[in-house]
């Protein structure tokens, strides 16, 4: 991202936050003193002069608090839920500043209920403003603005995996312009239209010619001498470039890493689970209530389907599937049988079975697996135990999360032409997971069902 573009984005953040804070504090004032329906709040006449001082003072103070919480740092904004978590923390800190101010200066003491309302409303207003700014940034990126131009140093498989993950640039904010590599001939094609631009030793010259502001160095993909030269020159000749290091095992990882300081030695610690903490709480808050509600609402349909299957194709109504769950823990999931029970006709679908399959009705019993904690509403397609061997290369990544009732293989059905395509979509989902991505996939799944589209590839 160019400096002038960042300044525009910074101005957008500051003005948006300031307006959201002013609006929140004033709405909280009106709610506190002008509404009669608020429970447990005594109706009082406000000391207006105090609020005329406190509200204008609060705005610059809160913006400073936001800055200390890194809400104007590109590394912590525009992607994921981390930004909204920082908004909650910053608004809470802003309220604490007002409380301290009221203690230090009694003449500026304000209503406690106003403080509580201000806290709740400010979180809502600032979060909404930040969401709107994200939409603006996304539209700007589609037009080629607010993008960070990056060079990937190295051109092995790990470097290619990073380039794929950063595509499309409208989502990641990083536009890969090419590779710098020690081994491939200059101008040779590496991935799509991306080529080897030069040797790593010419990184500074490439940056000047292309306008790149970031270099992603893949350790192990270039000669050791080139790697050491980049590290030693990063504070001088490469000062105009942000140097980022990839450990070289990116393609094998699905979990995140945290920086650990052991005896003053910086080390990367691998997290055990891909979705942890608040993220896991949010995913469970979506899975369990939604699945329970679905079972209750769809219980008549479940009963009708059971009777239909029993009458059309006598025999067992359900068919078990032995699959692998998170951390390779095996479990059994059930589906409505869509073929004749007679072993001699096992591969023959009974009448209207295709309709059950296309509408997803055969999978309705899997809501029980979700309530048992074995599956999630959204996730990778469950892997059958009997065929786990052909996924050995991807199992460590695919099984870091629970398999899903629906997932990217459903919404991306038109893109799935092979098993590799389906796995690529699953890996993209795992590495880019947010609660918003789950909600998006659920909505897209509903649209696909109305269209009658469901993938024909099976694991």
Protein backbone atom coordinates (compact mmCIF):
# COMPACT_ATOMS: atom_id res chain seq x y z
CA UNK A 1 0.00 0.00 0.00
CA UNK A 2 1.45 3.38 -1.00
CA UNK A 3 2.02 5.99 1.67
CA UNK A 4 -0.61 8.39 0.29
CA UNK A 5 -3.16 5.56 0.12
CA UNK A 6 -2.47 4.65 3.73
CA UNK A 7 -2.93 8.29 4.74
CA UNK A 8 -6.33 8.29 3.04
CA UNK A 9 -7.25 5.06 4.85
CA UNK A 10 -5.99 6.52 8.16
CA UNK A 11 -8.12 9.64 7.63
CA UNK A 12 -11.11 7.39 6.92
CA UNK A 13 -10.52 5.44 10.13
CA UNK A 14 -10.06 8.56 12.27
CA UNK A 15 -13.08 10.42 10.90
CA UNK A 16 -15.27 7.30 11.04
CA UNK A 17 -14.27 6.51 14.63
CA UNK A 18 -14.73 10.14 15.73
CA UNK A 19 -18.22 10.34 14.24
CA UNK A 20 -19.16 6.95 15.73
CA UNK A 21 -17.95 8.01 19.21
CA UNK A 22 -19.77 11.36 19.09
CA UNK A 23 -22.94 9.68 17.86
CA UNK A 24 -22.72 6.92 20.51
CA UNK A 25 -22.21 9.31 23.42
CA UNK A 26 -25.06 11.57 22.29
CA UNK A 27 -27.44 8.68 21.63
CA UNK A 28 -26.60 7.31 25.09
CA UNK A 29 -27.41 10.76 26.55
CA UNK A 30 -30.79 10.85 24.79
CA UNK A 31 -31.56 7.29 25.86
CA UNK A 32 -30.63 8.03 29.47
CA UNK A 33 -32.56 11.26 29.91
CA UNK A 34 -35.26 11.36 27.23
CA UNK A 35 -36.63 7.80 27.19
CA UNK A 36 -39.09 6.61 29.80
CA UNK A 37 -39.00 2.91 28.96
CA UNK A 38 -35.51 2.12 30.32
CA UNK A 39 -35.92 -0.28 33.31
CA UNK A 40 -34.26 0.32 36.69
CA UNK A 41 -33.16 3.84 35.71
CA UNK A 42 -34.51 6.78 37.67
CA UNK A 43 -35.77 9.70 35.62
CA UNK A 44 -33.58 12.73 36.41
CA UNK A 45 -32.85 16.10 34.88
CA UNK A 46 -29.34 16.12 33.38
CA UNK A 47 -26.60 18.59 34.27
CA UNK A 48 -26.16 19.44 30.60
CA UNK A 49 -23.07 21.60 31.10
CA UNK A 50 -21.05 18.58 32.26
CA UNK A 51 -21.83 16.56 29.16
CA UNK A 52 -21.03 19.55 26.93
CA UNK A 53 -17.50 19.31 28.34
CA UNK A 54 -17.13 15.54 28.74
CA UNK A 55 -18.28 14.49 25.25
CA UNK A 56 -15.90 16.77 23.27
CA UNK A 57 -13.01 15.80 25.56
CA UNK A 58 -13.83 12.09 25.21
CA UNK A 59 -13.42 12.02 21.43
CA UNK A 60 -9.66 12.78 21.12
CA UNK A 61 -8.96 10.74 24.26
CA UNK A 62 -10.75 7.71 22.79
CA UNK A 63 -8.95 8.09 19.47
CA UNK A 64 -5.67 8.01 21.39
CA UNK A 65 -6.84 4.87 23.21
CA UNK A 66 -7.76 3.35 19.83
CA UNK A 67 -4.24 4.10 18.57
CA UNK A 68 -2.68 2.38 21.61
CA UNK A 69 -4.88 -0.65 20.84
CA UNK A 70 -3.39 -0.77 17.30
CA UNK A 71 -6.69 0.04 15.59
CA UNK A 72 -4.77 2.17 13.08
CA UNK A 73 -2.19 -0.52 12.33
CA UNK A 74 -2.76 -2.37 9.05
CA UNK A 75 -1.41 -5.59 10.56
CA UNK A 76 -4.37 -5.84 12.95
CA UNK A 77 -7.22 -4.46 10.87
CA UNK A 78 -9.34 -5.20 7.79
CA UNK A 79 -9.28 -9.01 8.23
CA UNK A 80 -10.74 -11.46 10.73
CA UNK A 81 -12.45 -10.80 14.04
CA UNK A 82 -9.32 -9.49 15.72
CA UNK A 83 -10.20 -5.91 14.79
CA UNK A 84 -13.63 -6.12 16.44
CA UNK A 85 -12.08 -7.60 19.56
CA UNK A 86 -9.76 -4.60 19.72
CA UNK A 87 -12.78 -2.29 19.27
CA UNK A 88 -14.42 -3.83 22.36
CA UNK A 89 -11.20 -3.49 24.36
CA UNK A 90 -10.63 0.11 23.22
CA UNK A 91 -14.21 1.23 23.97
CA UNK A 92 -13.98 -0.39 27.40
CA UNK A 93 -10.72 1.47 28.06
CA UNK A 94 -12.35 4.69 26.89
CA UNK A 95 -15.15 4.28 29.42
CA UNK A 96 -12.58 3.64 32.16
CA UNK A 97 -10.90 6.93 31.24
CA UNK A 98 -14.23 8.75 31.70
CA UNK A 99 -14.74 7.04 35.07
CA UNK A 100 -11.27 8.09 36.24
CA UNK A 101 -11.93 11.61 34.99
CA UNK A 102 -15.16 11.83 37.00
CA UNK A 103 -13.27 10.78 40.15
CA UNK A 104 -10.47 13.27 39.62
CA UNK A 105 -12.80 16.16 38.85
CA UNK A 106 -16.13 15.95 40.75
CA UNK A 107 -17.56 18.78 38.66
CA UNK A 108 -17.34 16.45 35.64
CA UNK A 109 -19.07 13.54 37.35
CA UNK A 110 -21.56 11.87 34.99
CA UNK A 111 -24.36 9.34 35.27
CA UNK A 112 -23.30 5.71 35.72
CA UNK A 113 -26.18 4.52 33.56
CA UNK A 114 -25.00 6.93 30.83
CA UNK A 115 -21.56 5.33 31.03
CA UNK A 116 -23.03 1.84 30.64
CA UNK A 117 -25.18 2.90 27.70
CA UNK A 118 -22.22 4.72 26.14
CA UNK A 119 -20.10 1.58 26.43
CA UNK A 120 -22.68 -0.65 24.71
CA UNK A 121 -23.66 1.83 22.01
CA UNK A 122 -20.07 2.87 21.24
CA UNK A 123 -19.06 -0.76 20.63
CA UNK A 124 -22.01 -1.18 18.26
CA UNK A 125 -21.45 2.11 16.41
CA UNK A 126 -17.67 1.81 16.04
CA UNK A 127 -17.97 -1.84 14.94
CA UNK A 128 -20.56 -0.86 12.34
CA UNK A 129 -18.32 1.96 11.10
CA UNK A 130 -15.34 -0.38 10.87
CA UNK A 131 -17.46 -2.88 8.93
CA UNK A 132 -18.51 -0.14 6.49
CA UNK A 133 -14.87 0.91 6.03
CA UNK A 134 -14.01 -2.71 5.21
CA UNK A 135 -16.63 -2.64 2.46
CA UNK A 136 -15.16 0.59 1.10
CA UNK A 137 -11.66 -0.90 1.16
CA UNK A 138 -12.90 -4.02 -0.62
CA UNK A 139 -14.43 -1.90 -3.41
CA UNK A 140 -11.24 0.17 -3.67
CA UNK A 141 -9.13 -3.00 -3.96
CA UNK A 142 -11.29 -4.18 -6.85
CA UNK A 143 -10.21 -1.01 -8.64
CA UNK A 144 -6.55 -1.55 -7.85
CA UNK A 145 -6.23 0.77 -4.86
CA UNK A 146 -5.18 0.11 -1.24
CA UNK A 147 -3.16 -2.95 -2.28
CA UNK A 148 0.29 -3.91 -1.01
CA UNK A 149 2.52 -4.93 -3.92
CA UNK A 150 4.68 -7.86 -2.84
CA UNK A 151 7.57 -9.91 -4.19
CA UNK A 152 7.91 -13.52 -3.08
CA UNK A 153 11.57 -14.46 -2.62
CA UNK A 154 11.86 -18.10 -3.59
CA UNK A 155 9.85 -20.12 -6.08
CA UNK A 156 9.45 -23.60 -4.61
CA UNK A 157 6.16 -25.28 -3.73
CA UNK A 158 5.89 -23.43 -0.42
CA UNK A 159 6.33 -20.10 -2.20
CA UNK A 160 3.63 -21.07 -4.69
CA UNK A 161 1.29 -22.03 -1.82
CA UNK A 162 1.76 -18.58 -0.30
CA UNK A 163 1.03 -16.93 -3.65
CA UNK A 164 -2.16 -18.96 -4.02
CA UNK A 165 -3.27 -18.08 -0.49
CA UNK A 166 -2.81 -14.36 -1.20
CA UNK A 167 -5.13 -14.68 -4.21
CA UNK A 168 -7.43 -12.88 -4.76
CA UNK A 169 -5.73 -9.64 -3.76
CA UNK A 170 -9.11 -8.05 -3.05
CA UNK A 171 -9.43 -10.36 -0.04
CA UNK A 172 -5.85 -10.46 1.25
CA UNK A 173 -4.88 -6.89 0.36
CA UNK A 174 -1.58 -8.20 -1.03
CA UNK A 175 -0.90 -8.22 -4.77
CA UNK A 176 1.89 -10.63 -5.68
CA UNK A 177 3.76 -9.18 -8.65
CA UNK A 178 6.31 -11.94 -9.13
CA UNK A 179 9.14 -14.01 -7.69
CA UNK A 180 12.83 -13.53 -7.03
CA UNK A 181 14.66 -16.84 -7.19
CA UNK A 182 18.20 -18.24 -7.27
CA UNK A 183 17.51 -21.37 -9.31
CA UNK A 184 14.89 -20.82 -12.03
CA UNK A 185 15.79 -18.85 -15.18
CA UNK A 186 14.77 -15.20 -15.15
CA UNK A 187 11.38 -14.61 -16.82
CA UNK A 188 10.36 -18.25 -16.42
CA UNK A 189 6.71 -18.75 -15.49
CA UNK A 190 6.13 -19.98 -11.92
CA UNK A 191 2.40 -19.71 -11.21
CA UNK A 192 -0.14 -18.57 -13.76
CA UNK A 193 1.21 -15.34 -15.24
CA UNK A 194 3.60 -14.75 -12.32
CA UNK A 195 7.24 -15.04 -13.34
CA UNK A 196 10.75 -14.92 -11.94
CA UNK A 197 11.65 -11.23 -12.09
CA UNK A 198 15.28 -11.33 -10.93
CA UNK A 199 17.71 -12.86 -8.47
CA UNK A 200 17.23 -12.18 -4.74
CA UNK A 201 20.42 -10.08 -4.82
CA UNK A 202 18.56 -7.58 -7.03
CA UNK A 203 15.62 -7.24 -4.63
CA UNK A 204 16.08 -3.49 -4.08
CA UNK A 205 16.18 -2.83 -7.83
CA UNK A 206 13.05 -4.92 -8.43
CA UNK A 207 11.22 -2.98 -5.72
CA UNK A 208 12.11 0.37 -7.30
CA UNK A 209 11.05 -0.77 -10.77
CA UNK A 210 7.77 -2.41 -9.75
CA UNK A 211 6.73 -0.20 -6.84
CA UNK A 212 6.74 -3.17 -4.45
CA UNK A 213 6.70 -2.32 -0.75
CA UNK A 214 6.87 -5.83 0.70
CA UNK A 215 9.07 -8.89 0.26
CA UNK A 216 8.01 -12.32 1.54
CA UNK A 217 11.14 -14.44 2.01
CA UNK A 218 10.59 -18.21 2.01
CA UNK A 219 13.37 -19.72 4.07
CA UNK A 220 14.83 -22.78 2.35
CA UNK A 221 13.62 -21.71 -1.10
CA UNK A 222 16.73 -19.65 -1.86
CA UNK A 223 20.45 -20.08 -1.36
CA UNK A 224 21.71 -19.51 2.19
CA UNK A 225 23.98 -16.72 0.96
CA UNK A 226 21.00 -14.88 -0.55
CA UNK A 227 19.00 -15.31 2.63
CA UNK A 228 21.80 -13.89 4.78
CA UNK A 229 22.29 -10.97 2.41
CA UNK A 230 18.61 -10.03 2.67
CA UNK A 231 18.69 -10.23 6.46
CA UNK A 232 21.84 -8.12 6.80
CA UNK A 233 20.73 -5.53 4.23
CA UNK A 234 17.14 -5.23 5.53
CA UNK A 235 18.00 -2.21 7.70
CA UNK A 236 19.95 -0.35 5.04
CA UNK A 237 19.69 -1.06 1.32
CA UNK A 238 16.26 -2.70 1.70
CA UNK A 239 14.90 -0.09 4.10
CA UNK A 240 12.06 0.81 1.72
CA UNK A 241 10.80 -2.80 1.80
CA UNK A 242 8.90 -4.52 4.58
CA UNK A 243 10.68 -7.87 4.92
CA UNK A 244 8.51 -10.77 6.09
CA UNK A 245 9.82 -14.29 6.67
CA UNK A 246 7.96 -17.50 5.99
CA UNK A 247 9.40 -20.52 7.82
CA UNK A 248 9.08 -22.68 4.73
CA UNK A 249 6.55 -25.19 6.04
CA UNK A 250 3.47 -23.09 5.32
CA UNK A 251 1.80 -25.66 3.07
CA UNK A 252 1.85 -28.24 5.88
CA UNK A 253 0.32 -25.93 8.50
CA UNK A 254 -3.29 -25.26 9.35
CA UNK A 255 -2.91 -24.08 12.94
CA UNK A 256 -1.59 -20.67 13.86
CA UNK A 257 1.68 -19.80 15.55
CA UNK A 258 2.52 -17.54 18.46
CA UNK A 259 5.81 -15.87 19.24
CA UNK A 260 7.46 -17.35 22.32
CA UNK A 261 10.40 -15.86 24.23
CA UNK A 262 12.38 -18.69 25.86
CA UNK A 263 15.49 -17.38 27.60
CA UNK A 264 15.34 -14.27 25.37
CA UNK A 265 15.38 -16.52 22.28
CA UNK A 266 12.43 -15.77 19.93
CA UNK A 267 10.72 -19.01 18.90
CA UNK A 268 7.53 -19.83 17.00
CA UNK A 269 5.12 -21.99 19.03
CA UNK A 270 2.61 -24.07 17.07
CA UNK A 271 -0.95 -23.94 18.36
CA UNK A 272 -2.62 -27.30 18.91
CA UNK A 273 -6.00 -26.36 17.40
CA UNK A 274 -6.90 -24.24 14.39
CA UNK A 275 -9.97 -22.64 16.03
CA UNK A 276 -9.45 -21.70 19.67
CA UNK A 277 -10.53 -19.19 22.30
CA UNK A 278 -13.21 -16.70 21.26
CA UNK A 279 -13.29 -18.17 17.74
CA UNK A 280 -14.21 -21.62 19.10
CA UNK A 281 -16.83 -20.05 21.36
CA UNK A 282 -18.41 -18.24 18.41
CA UNK A 283 -18.42 -21.36 16.23
CA UNK A 284 -20.07 -23.42 18.99
CA UNK A 285 -22.58 -20.62 19.59
CA UNK A 286 -23.58 -20.96 15.95
CA UNK A 287 -23.47 -24.78 15.74
CA UNK A 288 -25.44 -25.94 18.77
CA UNK A 289 -28.43 -23.54 18.87
CA UNK A 290 -28.87 -23.60 15.08
CA UNK A 291 -28.71 -27.41 14.92
CA UNK A 292 -31.15 -27.83 17.81
CA UNK A 293 -33.55 -25.36 16.20
CA UNK A 294 -33.21 -27.12 12.85
CA UNK A 295 -34.03 -30.50 14.41
CA UNK A 296 -37.12 -29.08 16.10
CA UNK A 297 -38.38 -27.21 13.03
CA UNK A 298 -37.58 -30.03 10.60
CA UNK A 299 -38.85 -32.89 12.79
CA UNK A 300 -42.06 -33.28 10.71
CA UNK A 301 -39.94 -33.43 7.55
CA UNK A 302 -37.66 -36.01 9.17
CA UNK A 303 -40.65 -38.17 10.03
CA UNK A 304 -42.12 -37.87 6.52
CA UNK A 305 -38.76 -38.75 4.97
CA UNK A 306 -38.39 -41.80 7.22
CA UNK A 307 -41.85 -43.06 6.19
CA UNK A 308 -41.12 -42.32 2.53
CA UNK A 309 -37.82 -44.26 2.52
CA UNK A 310 -39.40 -47.18 4.39
CA UNK A 311 -42.31 -47.44 1.95
CA UNK A 312 -40.34 -46.96 -1.28
CA UNK A 313 -37.37 -49.18 -0.40
CA UNK A 314 -38.16 -51.54 2.50
CA UNK A 315 -35.29 -52.21 4.87
CA UNK A 316 -33.12 -50.04 7.04
CA UNK A 317 -34.06 -46.35 6.83
CA UNK A 318 -30.60 -45.11 7.76
CA UNK A 319 -27.17 -45.97 6.43
CA UNK A 320 -24.05 -45.59 8.59
CA UNK A 321 -20.86 -43.90 7.41
CA UNK A 322 -17.69 -44.42 9.41
CA UNK A 323 -15.66 -41.24 9.11
CA UNK A 324 -12.74 -39.43 10.75
CA UNK A 325 -13.34 -36.40 12.94
CA UNK A 326 -11.08 -33.72 14.35
CA UNK A 327 -7.69 -35.06 15.48
CA UNK A 328 -8.39 -38.28 13.54
CA UNK A 329 -11.00 -39.40 16.07
CA UNK A 330 -13.36 -41.88 14.31
CA UNK A 331 -17.13 -41.67 14.65
CA UNK A 332 -20.26 -42.82 12.81
CA UNK A 333 -22.57 -40.48 10.97
CA UNK A 334 -25.92 -41.44 9.50
CA UNK A 335 -27.77 -40.59 6.32
CA UNK A 336 -31.13 -41.58 4.91
CA UNK A 337 -30.61 -44.50 2.57
CA UNK A 338 -30.86 -43.46 -1.09
CA UNK A 339 -30.58 -46.92 -2.69
CA UNK A 340 -32.27 -50.30 -2.40
CA UNK A 341 -31.43 -52.34 0.70
CA UNK A 342 -30.96 -55.50 -1.39
CA UNK A 343 -27.15 -56.07 -1.64
CA UNK A 344 -27.60 -57.21 -5.23
CA UNK A 345 -29.10 -53.80 -6.09
CA UNK A 346 -26.98 -51.71 -3.70
CA UNK A 347 -25.80 -49.27 -6.35
CA UNK A 348 -29.31 -48.73 -7.75
CA UNK A 349 -31.14 -45.65 -6.47
CA UNK A 350 -34.82 -46.02 -5.71
CA UNK A 351 -37.36 -43.60 -7.29
CA UNK A 352 -37.01 -39.98 -6.09
CA UNK A 353 -33.78 -40.79 -4.23
CA UNK A 354 -32.00 -38.28 -6.44
CA UNK A 355 -34.40 -35.59 -5.25
CA UNK A 356 -33.59 -36.38 -1.61
CA UNK A 357 -29.89 -36.13 -2.43
CA UNK A 358 -30.11 -32.84 -4.31
CA UNK A 359 -32.20 -31.19 -1.59
CA UNK A 360 -29.82 -32.42 1.08
CA UNK A 361 -32.59 -34.29 2.91
CA UNK A 362 -30.48 -37.45 3.12
CA UNK A 363 -28.09 -35.60 5.47
CA UNK A 364 -30.65 -34.34 7.99
CA UNK A 365 -29.71 -36.99 10.65
CA UNK A 366 -26.25 -35.39 10.81
CA UNK A 367 -27.67 -32.59 12.95
CA UNK A 368 -27.46 -35.14 15.79
CA UNK A 369 -23.70 -35.49 15.15
CA UNK A 370 -23.39 -31.71 15.45
CA UNK A 371 -25.17 -31.72 18.81
CA UNK A 372 -22.84 -34.51 19.96
CA UNK A 373 -19.85 -32.32 19.13
CA UNK A 374 -18.56 -34.61 16.36
CA UNK A 375 -19.41 -32.35 13.43
CA UNK A 376 -19.95 -28.66 12.71
CA UNK A 377 -22.52 -26.89 10.58
CA UNK A 378 -19.69 -25.77 8.29
CA UNK A 379 -16.42 -27.57 7.70
CA UNK A 380 -14.52 -29.86 5.32
CA UNK A 381 -16.34 -32.84 3.87
CA UNK A 382 -16.15 -35.87 6.24
CA UNK A 383 -13.40 -38.33 5.26
CA UNK A 384 -14.44 -42.02 5.19
CA UNK A 385 -12.18 -44.22 7.30
CA UNK A 386 -11.96 -46.78 4.51
CA UNK A 387 -10.46 -44.21 2.11
CA UNK A 388 -8.32 -42.23 4.53
CA UNK A 389 -5.13 -43.53 2.92
CA UNK A 390 -5.52 -41.46 -0.24
CA UNK A 391 -5.71 -38.28 1.89
CA UNK A 392 -2.59 -39.08 3.93
CA UNK A 393 -0.75 -36.01 2.61
CA UNK A 394 -3.54 -33.64 3.70
CA UNK A 395 -4.88 -35.40 6.82
CA UNK A 396 -2.87 -33.33 9.33
CA UNK A 397 -4.50 -30.19 7.91
CA UNK A 398 -7.99 -31.46 7.07
CA UNK A 399 -8.48 -32.98 10.52
CA UNK A 400 -7.55 -29.89 12.54
CA UNK A 401 -11.25 -28.92 12.50
CA UNK A 402 -14.53 -30.82 12.71
CA UNK A 403 -16.05 -32.04 9.43
CA UNK A 404 -19.09 -30.12 8.29
CA UNK A 405 -22.73 -30.68 7.45
CA UNK A 406 -22.06 -28.27 4.61
CA UNK A 407 -18.89 -26.58 3.49
CA UNK A 408 -16.89 -25.09 0.65
CA UNK A 409 -17.38 -28.20 -1.48
CA UNK A 410 -21.11 -27.35 -1.63
CA UNK A 411 -20.93 -23.63 -2.39
CA UNK A 412 -18.01 -24.17 -4.76
CA UNK A 413 -19.63 -27.13 -6.53
CA UNK A 414 -19.18 -25.57 -9.98
CA UNK A 415 -15.42 -25.27 -9.38
CA UNK A 416 -14.97 -28.87 -8.23
CA UNK A 417 -13.78 -31.02 -11.11
CA UNK A 418 -11.53 -33.37 -9.15
CA UNK A 419 -10.61 -34.50 -5.66
CA UNK A 420 -7.69 -32.04 -5.66
CA UNK A 421 -10.09 -29.15 -6.38
CA UNK A 422 -12.28 -30.14 -3.46
CA UNK A 423 -9.32 -30.43 -1.09
CA UNK A 424 -8.05 -27.04 -2.25
CA UNK A 425 -11.38 -25.49 -1.26
CA UNK A 426 -11.30 -27.26 2.12
CA UNK A 427 -7.77 -26.04 2.83
CA UNK A 428 -8.74 -22.50 1.88
CA UNK A 429 -11.65 -22.68 4.32
CA UNK A 430 -9.49 -23.99 7.18
CA UNK A 431 -6.76 -21.40 6.78
CA UNK A 432 -9.09 -18.44 6.22
CA UNK A 433 -11.78 -19.35 8.76
CA UNK A 434 -13.87 -16.65 10.39
CA UNK A 435 -17.39 -16.80 11.81
CA UNK A 436 -18.44 -14.57 8.92
CA UNK A 437 -17.15 -17.16 6.45
CA UNK A 438 -19.34 -19.81 8.18
CA UNK A 439 -22.40 -17.55 7.91
CA UNK A 440 -21.60 -16.81 4.27
CA UNK A 441 -21.32 -20.52 3.42
CA UNK A 442 -24.61 -21.29 5.20
CA UNK A 443 -26.41 -18.61 3.18
CA UNK A 444 -24.81 -19.79 -0.06
CA UNK A 445 -25.78 -23.38 0.77
CA UNK A 446 -29.41 -22.31 1.09
CA UNK A 447 -29.20 -20.68 -2.34
CA UNK A 448 -27.61 -23.79 -3.85
CA UNK A 449 -30.40 -25.97 -2.48
CA UNK A 450 -33.00 -23.72 -4.09
CA UNK A 451 -31.07 -24.06 -7.34
CA UNK A 452 -30.93 -27.83 -6.91
CA UNK A 453 -27.13 -27.86 -7.19
CA UNK A 454 -25.07 -30.36 -5.24
CA UNK A 455 -21.62 -31.76 -6.16
CA UNK A 456 -21.43 -35.22 -7.62
CA UNK A 457 -17.86 -35.96 -6.50
CA UNK A 458 -17.70 -38.19 -3.44
CA UNK A 459 -14.98 -39.00 -0.95
